[in-house]
Amino acid sequence: MTRHIGIFLFDGVEELDAVGPWEVLSHWTKRFPEDGFGVSTVSKDGKHVLASKGLTLGAHHSFADAPHYDVFLHPGGPGTRILMRDTGHLDWVQRQRVKTPLMTSVCSGALVYAAAGLLENRPATTYWNDVALLAELDPTISLRTQDRYVDDGDLITSAGVSAGIDMTLHLVRRLAGPDRAREVRRGIQYDPEPPV
């Protein structure tokens, strides 16, 4: 039985926040189907979204027809400034928290989680330029600004943009073991050491 990983898409999503994790997770799930996971994208209405730098991204599902997620990923981007104040979206995120065993975020997706009350009294990280806003949204958060990602059991947050790749490789390690994570990393030829 397939366990589902969902990546949320919305207008103003940062492209690499969604596409970086998609690359990791789709490589893993398609190359190693025996691990029993599948990944798909979801938007509120199931329609395409316009990402922050102009890329159009398509969703597989809407909120109404999405499968039950075992893992959910909320990317960041300029669109989170609207979503963190959208009570309907925050209610939806809270409902996901109740029924989803593992919630993850990339970049300013953590702002939405904080606004929804998911990060209360928990360690977390976000994009470096959003740290002050995250602390303002919820002063109880234990900020870990130097970490690429923070794994707090049933909730993982990551720093900005490219850190989502590191976080999802960690996720593969958690769910399928270190050897599988190394195979995926090699398959996408990802080297975390900067080339310059």
N, C-alpha and C. Protein backbone atom coordinates (compact mmCIF):
# COMPACT_ATOMS: atom_id res chain seq x y z
N MET A 1 0.85 -1.18 0.00
CA MET A 1 0.00 0.00 0.00
C MET A 1 0.89 1.24 0.00
N THR A 2 0.64 2.13 -0.94
CA THR A 2 1.49 3.32 -1.09
C THR A 2 1.24 4.33 0.01
N ARG A 3 2.31 4.82 0.57
CA ARG A 3 2.24 5.94 1.52
C ARG A 3 2.51 7.22 0.74
N HIS A 4 1.68 8.23 0.98
CA HIS A 4 1.68 9.42 0.14
C HIS A 4 2.43 10.59 0.78
N ILE A 5 3.23 11.24 -0.05
CA ILE A 5 3.90 12.49 0.32
C ILE A 5 3.32 13.58 -0.55
N GLY A 6 2.85 14.66 0.07
CA GLY A 6 2.25 15.76 -0.66
C GLY A 6 3.09 17.01 -0.57
N ILE A 7 3.27 17.68 -1.71
CA ILE A 7 3.95 18.98 -1.76
C ILE A 7 2.92 20.02 -2.15
N PHE A 8 2.74 21.01 -1.30
CA PHE A 8 1.73 22.05 -1.53
C PHE A 8 2.26 23.09 -2.50
N LEU A 9 1.42 23.48 -3.45
CA LEU A 9 1.74 24.53 -4.42
C LEU A 9 0.76 25.68 -4.27
N PHE A 10 1.26 26.89 -4.44
CA PHE A 10 0.41 28.09 -4.30
C PHE A 10 1.03 29.22 -5.10
N ASP A 11 0.22 30.19 -5.46
CA ASP A 11 0.75 31.36 -6.16
C ASP A 11 1.78 32.05 -5.28
N GLY A 12 2.94 32.32 -5.86
CA GLY A 12 4.01 32.95 -5.11
C GLY A 12 4.91 31.98 -4.39
N VAL A 13 4.80 30.67 -4.68
CA VAL A 13 5.71 29.70 -4.08
C VAL A 13 7.12 29.93 -4.67
N GLU A 14 8.13 29.80 -3.85
CA GLU A 14 9.51 29.85 -4.33
C GLU A 14 9.78 28.57 -5.11
N GLU A 15 10.21 28.70 -6.35
CA GLU A 15 10.35 27.54 -7.22
C GLU A 15 11.18 26.42 -6.60
N LEU A 16 12.39 26.73 -6.15
CA LEU A 16 13.27 25.67 -5.66
C LEU A 16 12.77 25.07 -4.35
N ASP A 17 11.99 25.82 -3.58
CA ASP A 17 11.40 25.27 -2.35
C ASP A 17 10.53 24.05 -2.65
N ALA A 18 9.86 24.08 -3.79
CA ALA A 18 8.98 22.97 -4.18
C ALA A 18 9.68 22.00 -5.11
N VAL A 19 10.40 22.51 -6.09
CA VAL A 19 10.98 21.67 -7.12
C VAL A 19 12.22 20.92 -6.63
N GLY A 20 13.00 21.51 -5.72
CA GLY A 20 14.14 20.81 -5.15
C GLY A 20 13.70 19.55 -4.41
N PRO A 21 12.77 19.68 -3.44
CA PRO A 21 12.24 18.48 -2.79
C PRO A 21 11.55 17.52 -3.77
N TRP A 22 10.86 18.07 -4.78
CA TRP A 22 10.23 17.20 -5.78
C TRP A 22 11.27 16.33 -6.46
N GLU A 23 12.40 16.93 -6.84
CA GLU A 23 13.47 16.17 -7.51
C GLU A 23 13.96 15.02 -6.63
N VAL A 24 14.21 15.31 -5.38
CA VAL A 24 14.68 14.28 -4.45
C VAL A 24 13.63 13.19 -4.29
N LEU A 25 12.41 13.60 -3.99
CA LEU A 25 11.36 12.64 -3.65
C LEU A 25 10.87 11.85 -4.86
N SER A 26 10.78 12.49 -6.02
CA SER A 26 10.31 11.77 -7.20
C SER A 26 11.40 10.81 -7.69
N HIS A 27 12.66 11.22 -7.59
CA HIS A 27 13.74 10.29 -7.96
C HIS A 27 13.67 9.04 -7.07
N TRP A 28 13.53 9.28 -5.78
CA TRP A 28 13.44 8.17 -4.83
C TRP A 28 12.25 7.27 -5.12
N THR A 29 11.05 7.85 -5.20
CA THR A 29 9.85 7.03 -5.27
C THR A 29 9.70 6.32 -6.62
N LYS A 30 10.21 6.92 -7.69
CA LYS A 30 10.12 6.28 -9.00
C LYS A 30 11.22 5.23 -9.20
N ARG A 31 12.39 5.51 -8.69
CA ARG A 31 13.50 4.56 -8.86
C ARG A 31 13.41 3.39 -7.89
N PHE A 32 12.82 3.62 -6.73
CA PHE A 32 12.75 2.59 -5.70
C PHE A 32 11.30 2.40 -5.22
N PRO A 33 10.42 1.95 -6.11
CA PRO A 33 9.01 1.80 -5.73
C PRO A 33 8.80 0.78 -4.62
N GLU A 34 9.76 -0.12 -4.45
CA GLU A 34 9.64 -1.12 -3.40
C GLU A 34 9.63 -0.51 -2.00
N ASP A 35 10.07 0.75 -1.88
CA ASP A 35 10.03 1.41 -0.57
C ASP A 35 8.60 1.80 -0.17
N GLY A 36 7.68 1.82 -1.14
CA GLY A 36 6.27 1.99 -0.83
C GLY A 36 5.78 3.41 -0.69
N PHE A 37 6.52 4.39 -1.25
CA PHE A 37 6.10 5.78 -1.16
C PHE A 37 5.80 6.34 -2.54
N GLY A 38 4.89 7.31 -2.58
CA GLY A 38 4.60 8.06 -3.79
C GLY A 38 4.55 9.54 -3.43
N VAL A 39 4.85 10.40 -4.39
CA VAL A 39 4.82 11.84 -4.14
C VAL A 39 3.95 12.51 -5.19
N SER A 40 3.20 13.50 -4.76
CA SER A 40 2.36 14.27 -5.67
C SER A 40 2.25 15.70 -5.16
N THR A 41 1.75 16.57 -6.01
CA THR A 41 1.56 17.97 -5.65
C THR A 41 0.08 18.26 -5.45
N VAL A 42 -0.18 19.26 -4.64
CA VAL A 42 -1.56 19.64 -4.36
C VAL A 42 -1.66 21.17 -4.29
N SER A 43 -2.68 21.71 -4.90
CA SER A 43 -3.01 23.13 -4.75
C SER A 43 -4.45 23.22 -4.26
N LYS A 44 -4.84 24.37 -3.81
CA LYS A 44 -6.18 24.51 -3.22
C LYS A 44 -7.26 24.01 -4.17
N ASP A 45 -7.21 24.46 -5.43
CA ASP A 45 -8.26 24.09 -6.38
C ASP A 45 -7.81 23.06 -7.41
N GLY A 46 -6.57 22.57 -7.28
CA GLY A 46 -6.06 21.59 -8.23
C GLY A 46 -5.55 22.19 -9.52
N LYS A 47 -5.57 23.52 -9.63
CA LYS A 47 -5.13 24.18 -10.85
C LYS A 47 -3.66 24.57 -10.76
N HIS A 48 -3.14 25.02 -11.89
CA HIS A 48 -1.77 25.49 -11.95
C HIS A 48 -1.58 26.71 -11.03
N VAL A 49 -0.35 26.91 -10.61
CA VAL A 49 -0.02 28.10 -9.82
C VAL A 49 1.11 28.83 -10.53
N LEU A 50 1.23 30.12 -10.24
CA LEU A 50 2.31 30.95 -10.78
C LEU A 50 3.32 31.16 -9.66
N ALA A 51 4.50 30.58 -9.82
CA ALA A 51 5.53 30.66 -8.79
C ALA A 51 6.17 32.05 -8.77
N SER A 52 7.01 32.28 -7.77
CA SER A 52 7.50 33.63 -7.49
C SER A 52 8.32 34.25 -8.61
N LYS A 53 9.00 33.45 -9.39
CA LYS A 53 9.83 33.99 -10.47
C LYS A 53 9.24 33.73 -11.85
N GLY A 54 7.96 33.40 -11.88
CA GLY A 54 7.26 33.29 -13.15
C GLY A 54 7.06 31.91 -13.72
N LEU A 55 7.56 30.86 -13.03
CA LEU A 55 7.36 29.49 -13.51
C LEU A 55 5.95 29.02 -13.18
N THR A 56 5.28 28.41 -14.14
CA THR A 56 3.97 27.83 -13.90
C THR A 56 4.16 26.38 -13.47
N LEU A 57 3.53 26.03 -12.35
CA LEU A 57 3.64 24.68 -11.81
C LEU A 57 2.25 24.05 -11.75
N GLY A 58 2.16 22.79 -12.13
CA GLY A 58 0.88 22.09 -12.14
C GLY A 58 0.70 21.21 -10.92
N ALA A 59 -0.53 21.11 -10.46
CA ALA A 59 -0.85 20.27 -9.30
C ALA A 59 -1.54 18.99 -9.75
N HIS A 60 -1.26 17.90 -9.04
CA HIS A 60 -1.93 16.63 -9.31
C HIS A 60 -3.31 16.57 -8.66
N HIS A 61 -3.45 17.28 -7.53
CA HIS A 61 -4.68 17.18 -6.74
C HIS A 61 -5.13 18.55 -6.26
N SER A 62 -6.39 18.60 -5.90
CA SER A 62 -6.95 19.73 -5.16
C SER A 62 -7.12 19.30 -3.71
N PHE A 63 -7.45 20.26 -2.84
CA PHE A 63 -7.72 19.90 -1.45
C PHE A 63 -8.84 18.86 -1.39
N ALA A 64 -9.81 18.99 -2.29
CA ALA A 64 -10.99 18.12 -2.23
C ALA A 64 -10.69 16.68 -2.61
N ASP A 65 -9.74 16.46 -3.54
CA ASP A 65 -9.51 15.08 -4.00
C ASP A 65 -8.12 14.54 -3.63
N ALA A 66 -7.42 15.23 -2.76
CA ALA A 66 -6.07 14.79 -2.36
C ALA A 66 -6.16 13.50 -1.55
N PRO A 67 -5.15 12.64 -1.68
CA PRO A 67 -5.12 11.43 -0.86
C PRO A 67 -4.78 11.78 0.59
N HIS A 68 -4.91 10.81 1.46
CA HIS A 68 -4.44 10.99 2.83
C HIS A 68 -2.92 11.02 2.80
N TYR A 69 -2.33 12.08 3.36
CA TYR A 69 -0.88 12.20 3.32
C TYR A 69 -0.24 11.62 4.58
N ASP A 70 0.82 10.87 4.35
CA ASP A 70 1.66 10.39 5.44
C ASP A 70 2.75 11.41 5.76
N VAL A 71 3.14 12.18 4.75
CA VAL A 71 4.10 13.26 4.89
C VAL A 71 3.58 14.44 4.07
N PHE A 72 3.64 15.63 4.65
CA PHE A 72 3.18 16.84 3.94
C PHE A 72 4.29 17.88 3.98
N LEU A 73 4.54 18.52 2.84
CA LEU A 73 5.58 19.54 2.74
C LEU A 73 4.97 20.87 2.32
N HIS A 74 5.21 21.89 3.12
CA HIS A 74 4.74 23.25 2.81
C HIS A 74 5.95 24.10 2.45
N PRO A 75 6.10 24.44 1.15
CA PRO A 75 7.21 25.30 0.75
C PRO A 75 6.99 26.74 1.20
N GLY A 76 8.01 27.55 0.94
CA GLY A 76 7.91 28.98 1.23
C GLY A 76 7.82 29.79 -0.05
N GLY A 77 8.11 31.06 0.08
CA GLY A 77 8.04 32.00 -1.03
C GLY A 77 7.20 33.20 -0.64
N PRO A 78 7.20 34.23 -1.47
CA PRO A 78 6.45 35.46 -1.16
C PRO A 78 4.97 35.21 -0.88
N GLY A 79 4.41 34.17 -1.49
CA GLY A 79 2.99 33.87 -1.28
C GLY A 79 2.64 33.49 0.15
N THR A 80 3.64 33.12 0.95
CA THR A 80 3.35 32.76 2.34
C THR A 80 2.87 33.96 3.14
N ARG A 81 3.23 35.17 2.70
CA ARG A 81 2.78 36.38 3.43
C ARG A 81 1.26 36.49 3.40
N ILE A 82 0.66 36.03 2.32
CA ILE A 82 -0.81 36.01 2.23
C ILE A 82 -1.36 34.82 3.02
N LEU A 83 -0.75 33.65 2.82
CA LEU A 83 -1.27 32.43 3.44
C LEU A 83 -1.20 32.47 4.96
N MET A 84 -0.19 33.14 5.52
CA MET A 84 -0.06 33.16 6.98
C MET A 84 -1.14 34.02 7.63
N ARG A 85 -1.88 34.76 6.82
CA ARG A 85 -2.99 35.59 7.33
C ARG A 85 -4.35 35.10 6.83
N ASP A 86 -4.34 34.01 6.09
CA ASP A 86 -5.56 33.45 5.50
C ASP A 86 -6.12 32.40 6.47
N THR A 87 -7.18 32.76 7.17
CA THR A 87 -7.71 31.85 8.20
C THR A 87 -8.19 30.52 7.61
N GLY A 88 -8.71 30.56 6.40
CA GLY A 88 -9.13 29.32 5.76
C GLY A 88 -7.95 28.39 5.51
N HIS A 89 -6.85 28.96 5.05
CA HIS A 89 -5.66 28.13 4.81
C HIS A 89 -5.08 27.62 6.13
N LEU A 90 -5.04 28.47 7.12
CA LEU A 90 -4.51 28.04 8.42
C LEU A 90 -5.37 26.93 9.02
N ASP A 91 -6.68 27.01 8.86
CA ASP A 91 -7.56 25.93 9.33
C ASP A 91 -7.25 24.63 8.60
N TRP A 92 -7.01 24.73 7.28
CA TRP A 92 -6.68 23.54 6.49
C TRP A 92 -5.36 22.93 6.97
N VAL A 93 -4.36 23.78 7.23
CA VAL A 93 -3.07 23.30 7.72
C VAL A 93 -3.24 22.61 9.08
N GLN A 94 -4.06 23.18 9.94
CA GLN A 94 -4.31 22.56 11.25
C GLN A 94 -4.98 21.21 11.10
N ARG A 95 -5.89 21.08 10.14
CA ARG A 95 -6.53 19.78 9.90
C ARG A 95 -5.52 18.76 9.38
N GLN A 96 -4.59 19.22 8.54
CA GLN A 96 -3.53 18.32 8.07
C GLN A 96 -2.68 17.84 9.25
N ARG A 97 -2.40 18.74 10.18
CA ARG A 97 -1.57 18.39 11.33
C ARG A 97 -2.20 17.27 12.14
N VAL A 98 -3.52 17.30 12.26
CA VAL A 98 -4.24 16.30 13.05
C VAL A 98 -4.13 14.91 12.42
N LYS A 99 -4.15 14.84 11.09
CA LYS A 99 -4.22 13.54 10.44
C LYS A 99 -2.96 13.12 9.70
N THR A 100 -1.94 13.98 9.67
CA THR A 100 -0.70 13.67 8.94
C THR A 100 0.42 13.39 9.93
N PRO A 101 1.02 12.20 9.88
CA PRO A 101 2.05 11.85 10.87
C PRO A 101 3.29 12.72 10.84
N LEU A 102 3.67 13.22 9.65
CA LEU A 102 4.89 14.01 9.54
C LEU A 102 4.66 15.23 8.67
N MET A 103 4.83 16.40 9.28
CA MET A 103 4.69 17.68 8.58
C MET A 103 6.08 18.27 8.39
N THR A 104 6.34 18.81 7.18
CA THR A 104 7.62 19.44 6.92
C THR A 104 7.40 20.79 6.25
N SER A 105 8.41 21.65 6.36
CA SER A 105 8.33 22.94 5.67
C SER A 105 9.70 23.30 5.13
N VAL A 106 9.69 24.13 4.11
CA VAL A 106 10.91 24.70 3.55
C VAL A 106 10.78 26.21 3.62
N CYS A 107 11.86 26.87 4.03
CA CYS A 107 11.94 28.33 3.97
C CYS A 107 10.80 28.97 4.77
N SER A 108 10.12 29.93 4.18
CA SER A 108 9.06 30.65 4.90
C SER A 108 7.77 29.85 5.04
N GLY A 109 7.77 28.60 4.62
CA GLY A 109 6.64 27.73 4.97
C GLY A 109 6.50 27.63 6.48
N ALA A 110 7.61 27.80 7.19
CA ALA A 110 7.57 27.79 8.66
C ALA A 110 6.73 28.93 9.21
N LEU A 111 6.64 30.04 8.49
CA LEU A 111 5.81 31.17 8.95
C LEU A 111 4.34 30.75 8.99
N VAL A 112 3.92 29.99 7.97
CA VAL A 112 2.54 29.50 7.94
C VAL A 112 2.31 28.53 9.10
N TYR A 113 3.25 27.65 9.33
CA TYR A 113 3.12 26.71 10.45
C TYR A 113 3.06 27.44 11.78
N ALA A 114 3.87 28.48 11.93
CA ALA A 114 3.85 29.26 13.18
C ALA A 114 2.50 29.96 13.33
N ALA A 115 2.01 30.56 12.26
CA ALA A 115 0.72 31.25 12.32
C ALA A 115 -0.42 30.29 12.63
N ALA A 116 -0.26 29.03 12.23
CA ALA A 116 -1.28 28.01 12.50
C ALA A 116 -1.11 27.37 13.88
N GLY A 117 -0.07 27.77 14.61
CA GLY A 117 0.16 27.25 15.96
C GLY A 117 0.91 25.94 16.02
N LEU A 118 1.49 25.51 14.91
CA LEU A 118 2.16 24.21 14.87
C LEU A 118 3.54 24.21 15.51
N LEU A 119 4.14 25.39 15.67
CA LEU A 119 5.52 25.45 16.15
C LEU A 119 5.63 25.90 17.61
N GLU A 120 4.53 25.97 18.30
CA GLU A 120 4.54 26.42 19.68
C GLU A 120 5.45 25.54 20.55
N ASN A 121 6.40 26.19 21.23
CA ASN A 121 7.34 25.50 22.13
C ASN A 121 8.16 24.42 21.44
N ARG A 122 8.48 24.64 20.16
CA ARG A 122 9.25 23.66 19.40
C ARG A 122 10.47 24.32 18.79
N PRO A 123 11.52 23.55 18.50
CA PRO A 123 12.65 24.10 17.76
C PRO A 123 12.31 24.18 16.27
N ALA A 124 12.82 25.20 15.60
CA ALA A 124 12.52 25.36 14.17
C ALA A 124 13.54 26.29 13.53
N THR A 125 13.57 26.25 12.22
CA THR A 125 14.37 27.17 11.45
C THR A 125 13.57 27.65 10.25
N THR A 126 14.09 28.64 9.56
CA THR A 126 13.46 29.20 8.37
C THR A 126 14.51 29.94 7.56
N TYR A 127 14.10 30.58 6.51
CA TYR A 127 14.98 31.42 5.69
C TYR A 127 15.59 32.51 6.56
N TRP A 128 16.87 32.79 6.37
CA TRP A 128 17.59 33.73 7.25
C TRP A 128 16.91 35.09 7.38
N ASN A 129 16.28 35.55 6.31
CA ASN A 129 15.67 36.88 6.34
C ASN A 129 14.29 36.88 7.00
N ASP A 130 13.78 35.69 7.36
CA ASP A 130 12.46 35.58 7.98
C ASP A 130 12.53 35.21 9.46
N VAL A 131 13.74 35.12 10.00
CA VAL A 131 13.90 34.69 11.39
C VAL A 131 13.18 35.62 12.36
N ALA A 132 13.33 36.94 12.17
CA ALA A 132 12.68 37.90 13.08
C ALA A 132 11.16 37.78 13.01
N LEU A 133 10.62 37.60 11.83
CA LEU A 133 9.17 37.46 11.69
C LEU A 133 8.69 36.16 12.32
N LEU A 134 9.45 35.09 12.17
CA LEU A 134 9.07 33.83 12.80
C LEU A 134 9.02 33.99 14.32
N ALA A 135 10.01 34.66 14.88
CA ALA A 135 10.03 34.90 16.33
C ALA A 135 8.87 35.79 16.76
N GLU A 136 8.52 36.74 15.93
CA GLU A 136 7.39 37.63 16.24
C GLU A 136 6.06 36.87 16.20
N LEU A 137 5.92 35.97 15.24
CA LEU A 137 4.69 35.19 15.13
C LEU A 137 4.48 34.28 16.33
N ASP A 138 5.58 33.71 16.84
CA ASP A 138 5.49 32.82 18.00
C ASP A 138 6.79 32.88 18.79
N PRO A 139 6.82 33.70 19.85
CA PRO A 139 8.04 33.85 20.65
C PRO A 139 8.44 32.59 21.40
N THR A 140 7.57 31.56 21.45
CA THR A 140 7.93 30.33 22.16
C THR A 140 8.82 29.42 21.33
N ILE A 141 8.98 29.72 20.04
CA ILE A 141 9.80 28.87 19.16
C ILE A 141 11.27 28.98 19.57
N SER A 142 11.92 27.84 19.66
CA SER A 142 13.37 27.80 19.90
C SER A 142 14.06 27.87 18.53
N LEU A 143 14.54 29.05 18.16
CA LEU A 143 15.09 29.27 16.83
C LEU A 143 16.47 28.64 16.70
N ARG A 144 16.66 27.91 15.61
CA ARG A 144 17.95 27.30 15.31
C ARG A 144 18.41 27.84 13.95
N THR A 145 18.89 29.04 13.97
CA THR A 145 19.18 29.77 12.74
C THR A 145 20.39 29.25 11.98
N GLN A 146 21.26 28.49 12.62
CA GLN A 146 22.44 27.97 11.93
C GLN A 146 22.20 26.60 11.30
N ASP A 147 21.06 26.00 11.56
CA ASP A 147 20.78 24.65 11.06
C ASP A 147 20.15 24.69 9.67
N ARG A 148 20.57 23.77 8.81
CA ARG A 148 19.95 23.65 7.49
C ARG A 148 18.54 23.10 7.62
N TYR A 149 18.32 22.22 8.58
CA TYR A 149 16.97 21.72 8.88
C TYR A 149 16.94 21.32 10.35
N VAL A 150 15.73 21.28 10.89
CA VAL A 150 15.52 20.89 12.29
C VAL A 150 14.48 19.78 12.31
N ASP A 151 14.89 18.60 12.75
CA ASP A 151 13.99 17.46 12.85
C ASP A 151 13.52 17.35 14.29
N ASP A 152 12.24 17.63 14.50
CA ASP A 152 11.66 17.53 15.84
C ASP A 152 10.62 16.41 15.89
N GLY A 153 10.98 15.29 15.32
CA GLY A 153 10.10 14.12 15.38
C GLY A 153 9.01 14.13 14.33
N ASP A 154 7.85 14.64 14.68
CA ASP A 154 6.72 14.65 13.75
C ASP A 154 6.64 15.95 12.95
N LEU A 155 7.66 16.79 13.08
CA LEU A 155 7.69 18.06 12.36
C LEU A 155 9.13 18.42 12.03
N ILE A 156 9.38 18.69 10.74
CA ILE A 156 10.71 19.09 10.29
C ILE A 156 10.59 20.42 9.57
N THR A 157 11.42 21.38 9.97
CA THR A 157 11.50 22.66 9.26
C THR A 157 12.88 22.76 8.62
N SER A 158 12.97 23.49 7.52
CA SER A 158 14.28 23.70 6.92
C SER A 158 14.50 25.17 6.65
N ALA A 159 15.75 25.53 6.49
CA ALA A 159 16.11 26.89 6.14
C ALA A 159 15.68 27.16 4.70
N GLY A 160 16.20 28.22 4.11
CA GLY A 160 15.67 28.68 2.85
C GLY A 160 16.14 27.94 1.60
N VAL A 161 15.27 27.93 0.64
CA VAL A 161 15.48 27.58 -0.76
C VAL A 161 16.21 26.24 -0.92
N SER A 162 17.52 26.25 -1.14
CA SER A 162 18.25 25.01 -1.40
C SER A 162 18.30 24.08 -0.20
N ALA A 163 18.07 24.60 1.00
CA ALA A 163 18.07 23.75 2.19
C ALA A 163 16.97 22.69 2.12
N GLY A 164 15.94 22.93 1.31
CA GLY A 164 14.89 21.93 1.15
C GLY A 164 15.41 20.63 0.55
N ILE A 165 16.45 20.71 -0.26
CA ILE A 165 17.05 19.50 -0.82
C ILE A 165 17.70 18.69 0.30
N ASP A 166 18.45 19.37 1.16
CA ASP A 166 19.08 18.69 2.30
C ASP A 166 18.03 18.05 3.20
N MET A 167 16.96 18.81 3.45
CA MET A 167 15.91 18.31 4.33
C MET A 167 15.24 17.07 3.74
N THR A 168 14.97 17.07 2.43
CA THR A 168 14.29 15.91 1.87
C THR A 168 15.22 14.71 1.73
N LEU A 169 16.51 14.93 1.55
CA LEU A 169 17.45 13.81 1.60
C LEU A 169 17.47 13.22 3.02
N HIS A 170 17.41 14.09 4.02
CA HIS A 170 17.28 13.60 5.41
C HIS A 170 15.98 12.81 5.57
N LEU A 171 14.92 13.29 4.95
CA LEU A 171 13.63 12.60 5.03
C LEU A 171 13.74 11.20 4.42
N VAL A 172 14.40 11.09 3.28
CA VAL A 172 14.61 9.77 2.67
C VAL A 172 15.40 8.88 3.64
N ARG A 173 16.41 9.44 4.27
CA ARG A 173 17.20 8.66 5.24
C ARG A 173 16.32 8.18 6.39
N ARG A 174 15.45 9.06 6.88
CA ARG A 174 14.54 8.67 7.98
C ARG A 174 13.60 7.57 7.57
N LEU A 175 13.04 7.68 6.36
CA LEU A 175 11.99 6.77 5.93
C LEU A 175 12.49 5.49 5.28
N ALA A 176 13.70 5.54 4.68
CA ALA A 176 14.17 4.38 3.94
C ALA A 176 15.62 4.00 4.24
N GLY A 177 16.28 4.74 5.11
CA GLY A 177 17.62 4.36 5.53
C GLY A 177 18.73 5.16 4.85
N PRO A 178 19.91 5.17 5.47
CA PRO A 178 21.02 5.96 4.96
C PRO A 178 21.53 5.49 3.60
N ASP A 179 21.51 4.19 3.35
CA ASP A 179 21.99 3.72 2.05
C ASP A 179 21.10 4.24 0.92
N ARG A 180 19.79 4.24 1.15
CA ARG A 180 18.87 4.74 0.13
C ARG A 180 19.09 6.25 -0.09
N ALA A 181 19.28 6.99 0.99
CA ALA A 181 19.52 8.43 0.86
C ALA A 181 20.79 8.69 0.05
N ARG A 182 21.82 7.89 0.28
CA ARG A 182 23.05 8.04 -0.49
C ARG A 182 22.83 7.72 -1.96
N GLU A 183 22.01 6.69 -2.24
CA GLU A 183 21.71 6.34 -3.63
C GLU A 183 20.96 7.47 -4.33
N VAL A 184 20.01 8.07 -3.62
CA VAL A 184 19.25 9.18 -4.20
C VAL A 184 20.16 10.38 -4.43
N ARG A 185 20.99 10.68 -3.46
CA ARG A 185 21.91 11.81 -3.59
C ARG A 185 22.82 11.61 -4.80
N ARG A 186 23.33 10.39 -4.95
CA ARG A 186 24.18 10.11 -6.12
C ARG A 186 23.37 10.19 -7.41
N GLY A 187 22.13 9.69 -7.37
CA GLY A 187 21.29 9.69 -8.57
C GLY A 187 21.00 11.08 -9.09
N ILE A 188 20.82 12.04 -8.18
CA ILE A 188 20.56 13.42 -8.62
C ILE A 188 21.85 14.23 -8.69
N GLN A 189 22.98 13.58 -8.40
CA GLN A 189 24.31 14.17 -8.42
C GLN A 189 24.34 15.48 -7.65
N TYR A 190 23.91 15.39 -6.40
CA TYR A 190 23.86 16.56 -5.52
C TYR A 190 25.08 16.55 -4.60
N ASP A 191 25.81 17.63 -4.62
CA ASP A 191 26.97 17.79 -3.75
C ASP A 191 26.77 19.05 -2.93
N PRO A 192 26.60 18.91 -1.62
CA PRO A 192 26.30 20.09 -0.81
C PRO A 192 27.44 21.09 -0.68
N GLU A 193 28.66 20.72 -1.11
CA GLU A 193 29.76 21.69 -1.05
C GLU A 193 29.59 22.67 -2.20
N PRO A 194 29.59 23.97 -1.90
CA PRO A 194 29.41 24.95 -3.00
C PRO A 194 30.57 24.89 -3.99
N PRO A 195 30.29 25.11 -5.29
CA PRO A 195 31.33 25.02 -6.31
C PRO A 195 32.23 26.25 -6.35
N VAL A 196 31.90 27.29 -5.63
CA VAL A 196 32.73 28.52 -5.65
C VAL A 196 33.21 28.85 -4.26
